[in-house]
Amino acid sequence: MELTKNELYLAFFVALMGFFLYSRSMVLWLDKLTIFQGWLFYNVLWFIIIYVGSRQGFFIYEPKKVPLTQAIGLYLITTAVLMTVNWESGYVQLMTRGNQDMSTVYVQTDDGMSWFYITTYVPGVDVNDCLTNDNCTARILFIVVVPFVLALIGGFLVTGRIHI
């Protein structure tokens, strides 16, 4: 097995991202943003990485032939998967500490935003119900229904069954 330039570039790029995105100044800057602003920054950055990386041949094997709709589909599928494994939301804080007191940086992810909007704006959702009921409405909506819808739409975009 031979290491290619693309593999080295990808590894170097990811290392640089870790160096810059986890710097003290970056984390403190993110903490000053609202949940929505931080989420928007995170997702714009994530989409650019997927789209540019795909066009460069890092993620999809035919570089420069990645239609925008496929990149959006890949982004939605990846987002859906990451939502289910990140454990960065008010739900986790509520389950582990019994409260939702945390930095906004902690919830500026897709699962954090999903939890925030569902528990803030969906009528009849009671976060305290999640303390005693594993099948509480908030949990089912934010981490089952939302990823399902994202993955479904993403799959349709990637396979070309729907177009934007």
N, C-alpha and C. Protein backbone atom coordinates (compact mmCIF):
# COMPACT_ATOMS: atom_id res chain seq x y z
N MET A 1 0.86 -1.17 0.00
CA MET A 1 0.00 0.00 0.00
C MET A 1 0.90 1.23 0.00
N GLU A 2 0.64 2.12 -0.94
CA GLU A 2 1.45 3.32 -1.10
C GLU A 2 0.66 4.56 -0.68
N LEU A 3 1.31 5.43 0.05
CA LEU A 3 0.71 6.68 0.49
C LEU A 3 0.73 7.68 -0.67
N THR A 4 -0.43 8.30 -0.96
CA THR A 4 -0.51 9.26 -2.06
C THR A 4 -0.43 10.69 -1.52
N LYS A 5 -0.21 11.63 -2.43
CA LYS A 5 -0.18 13.05 -2.05
C LYS A 5 -1.52 13.47 -1.47
N ASN A 6 -2.61 13.02 -2.07
CA ASN A 6 -3.94 13.39 -1.58
C ASN A 6 -4.15 12.96 -0.14
N GLU A 7 -3.71 11.75 0.20
CA GLU A 7 -3.85 11.27 1.57
C GLU A 7 -3.03 12.11 2.53
N LEU A 8 -1.83 12.48 2.12
CA LEU A 8 -0.99 13.35 2.96
C LEU A 8 -1.60 14.74 3.11
N TYR A 9 -2.11 15.29 2.00
CA TYR A 9 -2.75 16.61 2.05
C TYR A 9 -3.95 16.59 2.99
N LEU A 10 -4.75 15.54 2.89
CA LEU A 10 -5.94 15.43 3.74
C LEU A 10 -5.53 15.37 5.21
N ALA A 11 -4.57 14.52 5.53
CA ALA A 11 -4.13 14.38 6.92
C ALA A 11 -3.55 15.70 7.44
N PHE A 12 -2.75 16.36 6.62
CA PHE A 12 -2.16 17.65 7.00
C PHE A 12 -3.25 18.70 7.21
N PHE A 13 -4.23 18.73 6.32
CA PHE A 13 -5.33 19.68 6.42
C PHE A 13 -6.14 19.47 7.70
N VAL A 14 -6.43 18.21 8.02
CA VAL A 14 -7.18 17.91 9.24
C VAL A 14 -6.37 18.32 10.47
N ALA A 15 -5.08 18.07 10.47
CA ALA A 15 -4.22 18.47 11.59
C ALA A 15 -4.22 19.99 11.75
N LEU A 16 -4.14 20.73 10.65
CA LEU A 16 -4.19 22.20 10.71
C LEU A 16 -5.53 22.69 11.23
N MET A 17 -6.60 22.03 10.81
CA MET A 17 -7.92 22.40 11.31
C MET A 17 -7.96 22.25 12.83
N GLY A 18 -7.47 21.12 13.34
CA GLY A 18 -7.44 20.91 14.78
C GLY A 18 -6.62 21.97 15.48
N PHE A 19 -5.49 22.32 14.90
CA PHE A 19 -4.61 23.33 15.51
C PHE A 19 -5.31 24.68 15.60
N PHE A 20 -5.94 25.12 14.52
CA PHE A 20 -6.56 26.45 14.50
C PHE A 20 -7.95 26.47 15.14
N LEU A 21 -8.78 25.48 14.86
CA LEU A 21 -10.15 25.51 15.35
C LEU A 21 -10.28 25.24 16.84
N TYR A 22 -9.27 24.64 17.44
CA TYR A 22 -9.30 24.40 18.88
C TYR A 22 -8.34 25.32 19.64
N SER A 23 -7.92 26.40 18.99
CA SER A 23 -7.09 27.36 19.71
C SER A 23 -7.95 28.08 20.74
N ARG A 24 -7.31 28.57 21.77
CA ARG A 24 -8.03 29.27 22.84
C ARG A 24 -8.83 30.44 22.27
N SER A 25 -8.21 31.22 21.39
CA SER A 25 -8.90 32.38 20.83
C SER A 25 -10.13 31.98 20.01
N MET A 26 -10.05 30.89 19.28
CA MET A 26 -11.19 30.43 18.48
C MET A 26 -12.33 29.98 19.39
N VAL A 27 -12.03 29.21 20.42
CA VAL A 27 -13.06 28.73 21.33
C VAL A 27 -13.72 29.91 22.05
N LEU A 28 -12.92 30.88 22.47
CA LEU A 28 -13.48 32.06 23.14
C LEU A 28 -14.32 32.88 22.17
N TRP A 29 -13.92 32.95 20.91
CA TRP A 29 -14.72 33.66 19.90
C TRP A 29 -16.05 32.94 19.69
N LEU A 30 -16.00 31.63 19.57
CA LEU A 30 -17.23 30.84 19.40
C LEU A 30 -18.17 31.02 20.59
N ASP A 31 -17.60 31.14 21.78
CA ASP A 31 -18.42 31.30 22.97
C ASP A 31 -19.17 32.62 22.99
N LYS A 32 -18.70 33.61 22.23
CA LYS A 32 -19.37 34.91 22.15
C LYS A 32 -20.54 34.88 21.16
N LEU A 33 -20.57 33.88 20.30
CA LEU A 33 -21.64 33.78 19.30
C LEU A 33 -22.90 33.21 19.94
N THR A 34 -24.02 33.51 19.32
CA THR A 34 -25.26 32.86 19.73
C THR A 34 -25.21 31.41 19.29
N ILE A 35 -26.13 30.61 19.80
CA ILE A 35 -26.18 29.21 19.38
C ILE A 35 -26.35 29.13 17.87
N PHE A 36 -27.23 29.94 17.30
CA PHE A 36 -27.47 29.90 15.86
C PHE A 36 -26.24 30.34 15.08
N GLN A 37 -25.58 31.43 15.48
CA GLN A 37 -24.39 31.91 14.76
C GLN A 37 -23.28 30.86 14.77
N GLY A 38 -23.07 30.24 15.94
CA GLY A 38 -22.05 29.20 16.03
C GLY A 38 -22.39 27.99 15.18
N TRP A 39 -23.66 27.61 15.20
CA TRP A 39 -24.11 26.49 14.37
C TRP A 39 -23.92 26.81 12.89
N LEU A 40 -24.26 28.03 12.50
CA LEU A 40 -24.10 28.44 11.11
C LEU A 40 -22.63 28.39 10.69
N PHE A 41 -21.74 28.91 11.53
CA PHE A 41 -20.30 28.86 11.24
C PHE A 41 -19.86 27.41 11.09
N TYR A 42 -20.24 26.56 12.02
CA TYR A 42 -19.89 25.14 12.01
C TYR A 42 -20.35 24.47 10.71
N ASN A 43 -21.59 24.73 10.31
CA ASN A 43 -22.14 24.07 9.14
C ASN A 43 -21.61 24.61 7.83
N VAL A 44 -21.39 25.91 7.74
CA VAL A 44 -20.78 26.46 6.53
C VAL A 44 -19.37 25.89 6.37
N LEU A 45 -18.62 25.86 7.46
CA LEU A 45 -17.27 25.29 7.43
C LEU A 45 -17.33 23.82 7.04
N TRP A 46 -18.23 23.06 7.62
CA TRP A 46 -18.37 21.63 7.34
C TRP A 46 -18.73 21.40 5.87
N PHE A 47 -19.68 22.18 5.34
CA PHE A 47 -20.06 22.01 3.94
C PHE A 47 -18.90 22.35 3.00
N ILE A 48 -18.18 23.42 3.29
CA ILE A 48 -17.03 23.80 2.45
C ILE A 48 -16.00 22.67 2.46
N ILE A 49 -15.75 22.09 3.62
CA ILE A 49 -14.79 20.99 3.71
C ILE A 49 -15.26 19.81 2.86
N ILE A 50 -16.53 19.45 2.96
CA ILE A 50 -17.04 18.32 2.17
C ILE A 50 -16.99 18.64 0.67
N TYR A 51 -17.43 19.83 0.30
CA TYR A 51 -17.49 20.16 -1.13
C TYR A 51 -16.10 20.28 -1.74
N VAL A 52 -15.24 21.04 -1.12
CA VAL A 52 -13.88 21.23 -1.65
C VAL A 52 -13.11 19.92 -1.58
N GLY A 53 -13.25 19.21 -0.45
CA GLY A 53 -12.56 17.92 -0.33
C GLY A 53 -13.02 16.92 -1.38
N SER A 54 -14.29 16.92 -1.69
CA SER A 54 -14.80 16.03 -2.73
C SER A 54 -14.28 16.44 -4.10
N ARG A 55 -14.25 17.73 -4.36
CA ARG A 55 -13.75 18.22 -5.66
C ARG A 55 -12.26 17.93 -5.83
N GLN A 56 -11.54 17.82 -4.71
CA GLN A 56 -10.12 17.51 -4.77
C GLN A 56 -9.84 16.01 -4.76
N GLY A 57 -10.88 15.21 -4.60
CA GLY A 57 -10.72 13.76 -4.63
C GLY A 57 -10.42 13.15 -3.28
N PHE A 58 -10.64 13.89 -2.20
CA PHE A 58 -10.36 13.35 -0.87
C PHE A 58 -11.44 12.38 -0.41
N PHE A 59 -12.70 12.61 -0.77
CA PHE A 59 -13.81 11.82 -0.24
C PHE A 59 -14.53 11.02 -1.31
N ILE A 60 -14.61 11.55 -2.50
CA ILE A 60 -15.31 10.88 -3.60
C ILE A 60 -14.28 10.65 -4.69
N TYR A 61 -14.30 9.47 -5.29
CA TYR A 61 -13.19 9.04 -6.14
C TYR A 61 -13.09 9.71 -7.50
N GLU A 62 -14.09 10.42 -7.95
CA GLU A 62 -14.00 11.11 -9.23
C GLU A 62 -13.93 12.62 -8.97
N PRO A 63 -12.72 13.13 -8.69
CA PRO A 63 -12.61 14.55 -8.37
C PRO A 63 -13.09 15.44 -9.51
N LYS A 64 -13.56 16.60 -9.14
CA LYS A 64 -14.02 17.63 -10.05
C LYS A 64 -15.29 17.24 -10.80
N LYS A 65 -15.90 16.11 -10.46
CA LYS A 65 -17.15 15.70 -11.09
C LYS A 65 -18.27 15.61 -10.08
N VAL A 66 -18.09 16.24 -8.95
CA VAL A 66 -19.08 16.16 -7.88
C VAL A 66 -20.10 17.29 -8.07
N PRO A 67 -21.31 16.96 -8.48
CA PRO A 67 -22.33 18.00 -8.61
C PRO A 67 -22.67 18.57 -7.23
N LEU A 68 -23.07 19.81 -7.21
CA LEU A 68 -23.42 20.47 -5.96
C LEU A 68 -24.50 19.71 -5.21
N THR A 69 -25.49 19.16 -5.93
CA THR A 69 -26.56 18.43 -5.25
C THR A 69 -26.02 17.19 -4.54
N GLN A 70 -25.04 16.51 -5.13
CA GLN A 70 -24.46 15.34 -4.46
C GLN A 70 -23.67 15.78 -3.23
N ALA A 71 -22.98 16.89 -3.31
CA ALA A 71 -22.23 17.40 -2.16
C ALA A 71 -23.19 17.77 -1.03
N ILE A 72 -24.32 18.38 -1.38
CA ILE A 72 -25.32 18.71 -0.36
C ILE A 72 -25.88 17.42 0.25
N GLY A 73 -26.15 16.43 -0.59
CA GLY A 73 -26.64 15.15 -0.10
C GLY A 73 -25.66 14.48 0.84
N LEU A 74 -24.38 14.49 0.47
CA LEU A 74 -23.34 13.92 1.31
C LEU A 74 -23.26 14.67 2.64
N TYR A 75 -23.37 15.98 2.57
CA TYR A 75 -23.37 16.81 3.78
C TYR A 75 -24.53 16.44 4.70
N LEU A 76 -25.73 16.28 4.13
CA LEU A 76 -26.91 15.95 4.95
C LEU A 76 -26.78 14.57 5.58
N ILE A 77 -26.29 13.61 4.83
CA ILE A 77 -26.10 12.26 5.38
C ILE A 77 -25.07 12.29 6.50
N THR A 78 -23.95 12.96 6.26
CA THR A 78 -22.90 13.06 7.27
C THR A 78 -23.42 13.77 8.52
N THR A 79 -24.17 14.84 8.31
CA THR A 79 -24.75 15.57 9.44
C THR A 79 -25.67 14.66 10.25
N ALA A 80 -26.51 13.89 9.57
CA ALA A 80 -27.42 12.99 10.26
C ALA A 80 -26.66 11.97 11.10
N VAL A 81 -25.59 11.41 10.53
CA VAL A 81 -24.79 10.42 11.27
C VAL A 81 -24.10 11.08 12.46
N LEU A 82 -23.48 12.23 12.22
CA LEU A 82 -22.77 12.91 13.31
C LEU A 82 -23.72 13.32 14.44
N MET A 83 -24.93 13.70 14.09
CA MET A 83 -25.91 14.07 15.13
C MET A 83 -26.11 12.92 16.11
N THR A 84 -26.08 11.70 15.60
CA THR A 84 -26.39 10.56 16.45
C THR A 84 -25.19 10.07 17.26
N VAL A 85 -23.99 10.57 16.99
CA VAL A 85 -22.81 10.12 17.72
C VAL A 85 -22.03 11.24 18.40
N ASN A 86 -22.43 12.49 18.25
CA ASN A 86 -21.68 13.60 18.86
C ASN A 86 -21.93 13.75 20.36
N TRP A 87 -23.12 13.50 20.81
CA TRP A 87 -23.50 13.68 22.21
C TRP A 87 -23.16 15.08 22.71
N GLU A 88 -23.48 16.08 21.92
CA GLU A 88 -23.23 17.48 22.29
C GLU A 88 -24.53 18.26 22.22
N SER A 89 -25.33 18.11 23.24
CA SER A 89 -26.61 18.80 23.24
C SER A 89 -27.07 19.01 24.67
N GLY A 90 -28.10 19.81 24.81
CA GLY A 90 -28.70 20.01 26.11
C GLY A 90 -29.25 18.72 26.68
N TYR A 91 -29.62 17.78 25.81
CA TYR A 91 -30.14 16.49 26.27
C TYR A 91 -29.08 15.76 27.09
N VAL A 92 -27.85 15.72 26.58
CA VAL A 92 -26.77 15.04 27.30
C VAL A 92 -26.52 15.73 28.65
N GLN A 93 -26.49 17.04 28.64
CA GLN A 93 -26.29 17.79 29.88
C GLN A 93 -27.42 17.50 30.86
N LEU A 94 -28.65 17.47 30.36
CA LEU A 94 -29.81 17.20 31.20
C LEU A 94 -29.75 15.80 31.79
N MET A 95 -29.36 14.81 30.99
CA MET A 95 -29.29 13.43 31.48
C MET A 95 -28.16 13.24 32.48
N THR A 96 -27.02 13.87 32.24
CA THR A 96 -25.85 13.62 33.08
C THR A 96 -25.74 14.54 34.29
N ARG A 97 -26.28 15.77 34.18
CA ARG A 97 -26.14 16.73 35.27
C ARG A 97 -27.47 17.25 35.82
N GLY A 98 -28.57 16.91 35.14
CA GLY A 98 -29.87 17.34 35.61
C GLY A 98 -30.20 18.79 35.32
N ASN A 99 -29.38 19.45 34.49
CA ASN A 99 -29.64 20.84 34.11
C ASN A 99 -29.13 21.07 32.69
N GLN A 100 -29.34 22.27 32.19
CA GLN A 100 -28.85 22.61 30.85
C GLN A 100 -27.92 23.81 30.89
N ASP A 101 -27.20 23.98 32.00
CA ASP A 101 -26.25 25.08 32.15
C ASP A 101 -24.94 24.71 31.48
N MET A 102 -24.66 25.33 30.32
CA MET A 102 -23.44 25.01 29.59
C MET A 102 -23.08 26.16 28.66
N SER A 103 -21.88 26.16 28.19
CA SER A 103 -21.43 27.15 27.22
C SER A 103 -22.19 26.97 25.91
N THR A 104 -22.46 28.08 25.22
CA THR A 104 -23.13 27.97 23.93
C THR A 104 -22.28 27.22 22.91
N VAL A 105 -20.96 27.21 23.08
CA VAL A 105 -20.08 26.47 22.16
C VAL A 105 -20.45 25.00 22.17
N TYR A 106 -20.82 24.52 23.33
CA TYR A 106 -21.15 23.10 23.50
C TYR A 106 -22.34 22.69 22.64
N VAL A 107 -23.25 23.60 22.39
CA VAL A 107 -24.47 23.23 21.65
C VAL A 107 -24.55 23.87 20.27
N GLN A 108 -23.44 24.34 19.73
CA GLN A 108 -23.44 24.93 18.40
C GLN A 108 -23.23 23.87 17.32
N THR A 109 -23.64 22.66 17.60
CA THR A 109 -23.55 21.56 16.65
C THR A 109 -24.97 21.23 16.17
N ASP A 110 -25.06 20.33 15.24
CA ASP A 110 -26.37 19.99 14.69
C ASP A 110 -27.30 19.37 15.72
N ASP A 111 -26.78 18.45 16.53
CA ASP A 111 -27.64 17.86 17.55
C ASP A 111 -27.97 18.89 18.63
N GLY A 112 -27.02 19.77 18.94
CA GLY A 112 -27.30 20.84 19.89
C GLY A 112 -28.37 21.79 19.41
N MET A 113 -28.29 22.18 18.13
CA MET A 113 -29.30 23.07 17.55
C MET A 113 -30.65 22.39 17.47
N SER A 114 -30.65 21.13 17.07
CA SER A 114 -31.90 20.39 16.97
C SER A 114 -32.58 20.34 18.35
N TRP A 115 -31.83 20.01 19.38
CA TRP A 115 -32.37 19.98 20.75
C TRP A 115 -32.89 21.35 21.15
N PHE A 116 -32.09 22.38 20.91
CA PHE A 116 -32.45 23.74 21.30
C PHE A 116 -33.77 24.17 20.65
N TYR A 117 -33.87 24.02 19.32
CA TYR A 117 -35.08 24.48 18.63
C TYR A 117 -36.31 23.63 18.99
N ILE A 118 -36.13 22.34 19.12
CA ILE A 118 -37.28 21.50 19.45
C ILE A 118 -37.77 21.79 20.86
N THR A 119 -36.85 21.93 21.81
CA THR A 119 -37.28 22.17 23.19
C THR A 119 -37.70 23.61 23.44
N THR A 120 -37.33 24.52 22.54
CA THR A 120 -37.70 25.92 22.71
C THR A 120 -38.97 26.28 21.94
N TYR A 121 -39.14 25.74 20.74
CA TYR A 121 -40.20 26.21 19.86
C TYR A 121 -41.30 25.21 19.53
N VAL A 122 -41.12 23.94 19.81
CA VAL A 122 -42.18 22.97 19.51
C VAL A 122 -43.15 22.93 20.70
N PRO A 123 -44.40 23.26 20.45
CA PRO A 123 -45.39 23.30 21.54
C PRO A 123 -45.56 21.92 22.19
N GLY A 124 -45.71 21.94 23.50
CA GLY A 124 -45.99 20.72 24.24
C GLY A 124 -44.79 19.86 24.59
N VAL A 125 -43.59 20.28 24.20
CA VAL A 125 -42.40 19.50 24.52
C VAL A 125 -41.92 19.90 25.92
N ASP A 126 -41.80 18.91 26.78
CA ASP A 126 -41.37 19.14 28.16
C ASP A 126 -40.04 18.44 28.38
N VAL A 127 -38.95 19.21 28.54
CA VAL A 127 -37.63 18.60 28.73
C VAL A 127 -37.55 17.78 30.00
N ASN A 128 -38.31 18.16 31.01
CA ASN A 128 -38.27 17.40 32.26
C ASN A 128 -38.83 16.00 32.10
N ASP A 129 -39.67 15.79 31.10
CA ASP A 129 -40.19 14.46 30.81
C ASP A 129 -39.04 13.51 30.45
N CYS A 130 -37.96 14.04 29.89
CA CYS A 130 -36.82 13.21 29.49
C CYS A 130 -36.05 12.67 30.69
N LEU A 131 -36.22 13.29 31.84
CA LEU A 131 -35.52 12.81 33.04
C LEU A 131 -36.03 11.46 33.51
N THR A 132 -37.28 11.14 33.18
CA THR A 132 -37.87 9.88 33.64
C THR A 132 -38.36 8.98 32.51
N ASN A 133 -38.42 9.51 31.29
CA ASN A 133 -38.99 8.77 30.17
C ASN A 133 -37.98 8.74 29.03
N ASP A 134 -37.40 7.56 28.75
CA ASP A 134 -36.40 7.44 27.69
C ASP A 134 -36.99 7.70 26.31
N ASN A 135 -38.29 7.58 26.17
CA ASN A 135 -38.95 7.83 24.89
C ASN A 135 -39.67 9.17 24.90
N CYS A 136 -39.11 10.15 25.57
CA CYS A 136 -39.74 11.47 25.64
C CYS A 136 -39.80 12.09 24.24
N THR A 137 -40.79 12.93 24.05
CA THR A 137 -41.02 13.55 22.74
C THR A 137 -39.81 14.32 22.26
N ALA A 138 -39.18 15.09 23.14
CA ALA A 138 -38.02 15.89 22.73
C ALA A 138 -36.91 15.00 22.17
N ARG A 139 -36.60 13.92 22.86
CA ARG A 139 -35.53 13.02 22.42
C ARG A 139 -35.87 12.38 21.07
N ILE A 140 -37.08 11.89 20.93
CA ILE A 140 -37.48 11.23 19.67
C ILE A 140 -37.43 12.22 18.51
N LEU A 141 -37.90 13.44 18.72
CA LEU A 141 -37.88 14.43 17.64
C LEU A 141 -36.45 14.84 17.28
N PHE A 142 -35.65 15.19 18.30
CA PHE A 142 -34.35 15.79 18.01
C PHE A 142 -33.30 14.80 17.53
N ILE A 143 -33.35 13.55 17.95
CA ILE A 143 -32.26 12.65 17.61
C ILE A 143 -32.70 11.41 16.84
N VAL A 144 -34.00 11.30 16.56
CA VAL A 144 -34.50 10.20 15.73
C VAL A 144 -35.13 10.76 14.46
N VAL A 145 -36.12 11.63 14.62
CA VAL A 145 -36.85 12.15 13.46
C VAL A 145 -35.98 13.08 12.61
N VAL A 146 -35.30 14.04 13.23
CA VAL A 146 -34.48 14.99 12.45
C VAL A 146 -33.37 14.27 11.67
N PRO A 147 -32.55 13.39 12.28
CA PRO A 147 -31.55 12.67 11.48
C PRO A 147 -32.16 11.79 10.39
N PHE A 148 -33.32 11.19 10.66
CA PHE A 148 -34.00 10.37 9.65
C PHE A 148 -34.33 11.21 8.43
N VAL A 149 -34.92 12.38 8.65
CA VAL A 149 -35.31 13.26 7.54
C VAL A 149 -34.06 13.74 6.78
N LEU A 150 -33.01 14.15 7.50
CA LEU A 150 -31.78 14.60 6.84
C LEU A 150 -31.15 13.49 6.00
N ALA A 151 -31.06 12.28 6.56
CA ALA A 151 -30.48 11.16 5.83
C ALA A 151 -31.32 10.79 4.60
N LEU A 152 -32.63 10.84 4.74
CA LEU A 152 -33.52 10.52 3.62
C LEU A 152 -33.34 11.53 2.48
N ILE A 153 -33.39 12.80 2.80
CA ILE A 153 -33.19 13.83 1.77
C ILE A 153 -31.79 13.73 1.19
N GLY A 154 -30.79 13.54 2.05
CA GLY A 154 -29.40 13.40 1.58
C GLY A 154 -29.25 12.23 0.63
N GLY A 155 -29.86 11.10 0.97
CA GLY A 155 -29.80 9.93 0.10
C GLY A 155 -30.42 10.19 -1.26
N PHE A 156 -31.55 10.89 -1.27
CA PHE A 156 -32.18 11.24 -2.54
C PHE A 156 -31.29 12.16 -3.37
N LEU A 157 -30.61 13.09 -2.73
CA LEU A 157 -29.72 14.02 -3.45
C LEU A 157 -28.49 13.30 -3.99
N VAL A 158 -27.88 12.44 -3.18
CA VAL A 158 -26.68 11.73 -3.61
C VAL A 158 -26.97 10.81 -4.79
N THR A 159 -28.11 10.14 -4.75
CA THR A 159 -28.44 9.20 -5.84
C THR A 159 -29.05 9.89 -7.05
N GLY A 160 -29.32 11.18 -6.92
CA GLY A 160 -29.88 11.93 -8.05
C GLY A 160 -31.37 11.77 -8.21
N ARG A 161 -32.04 11.22 -7.21
CA ARG A 161 -33.49 11.04 -7.31
C ARG A 161 -34.25 12.33 -7.14
N ILE A 162 -33.63 13.30 -6.46
CA ILE A 162 -34.19 14.67 -6.43
C ILE A 162 -33.05 15.63 -6.75
N HIS A 163 -33.39 16.76 -7.30
CA HIS A 163 -32.40 17.77 -7.69
C HIS A 163 -32.79 19.11 -7.09
N ILE A 164 -31.78 19.89 -6.79
CA ILE A 164 -32.02 21.25 -6.28
C ILE A 164 -31.83 22.22 -7.42
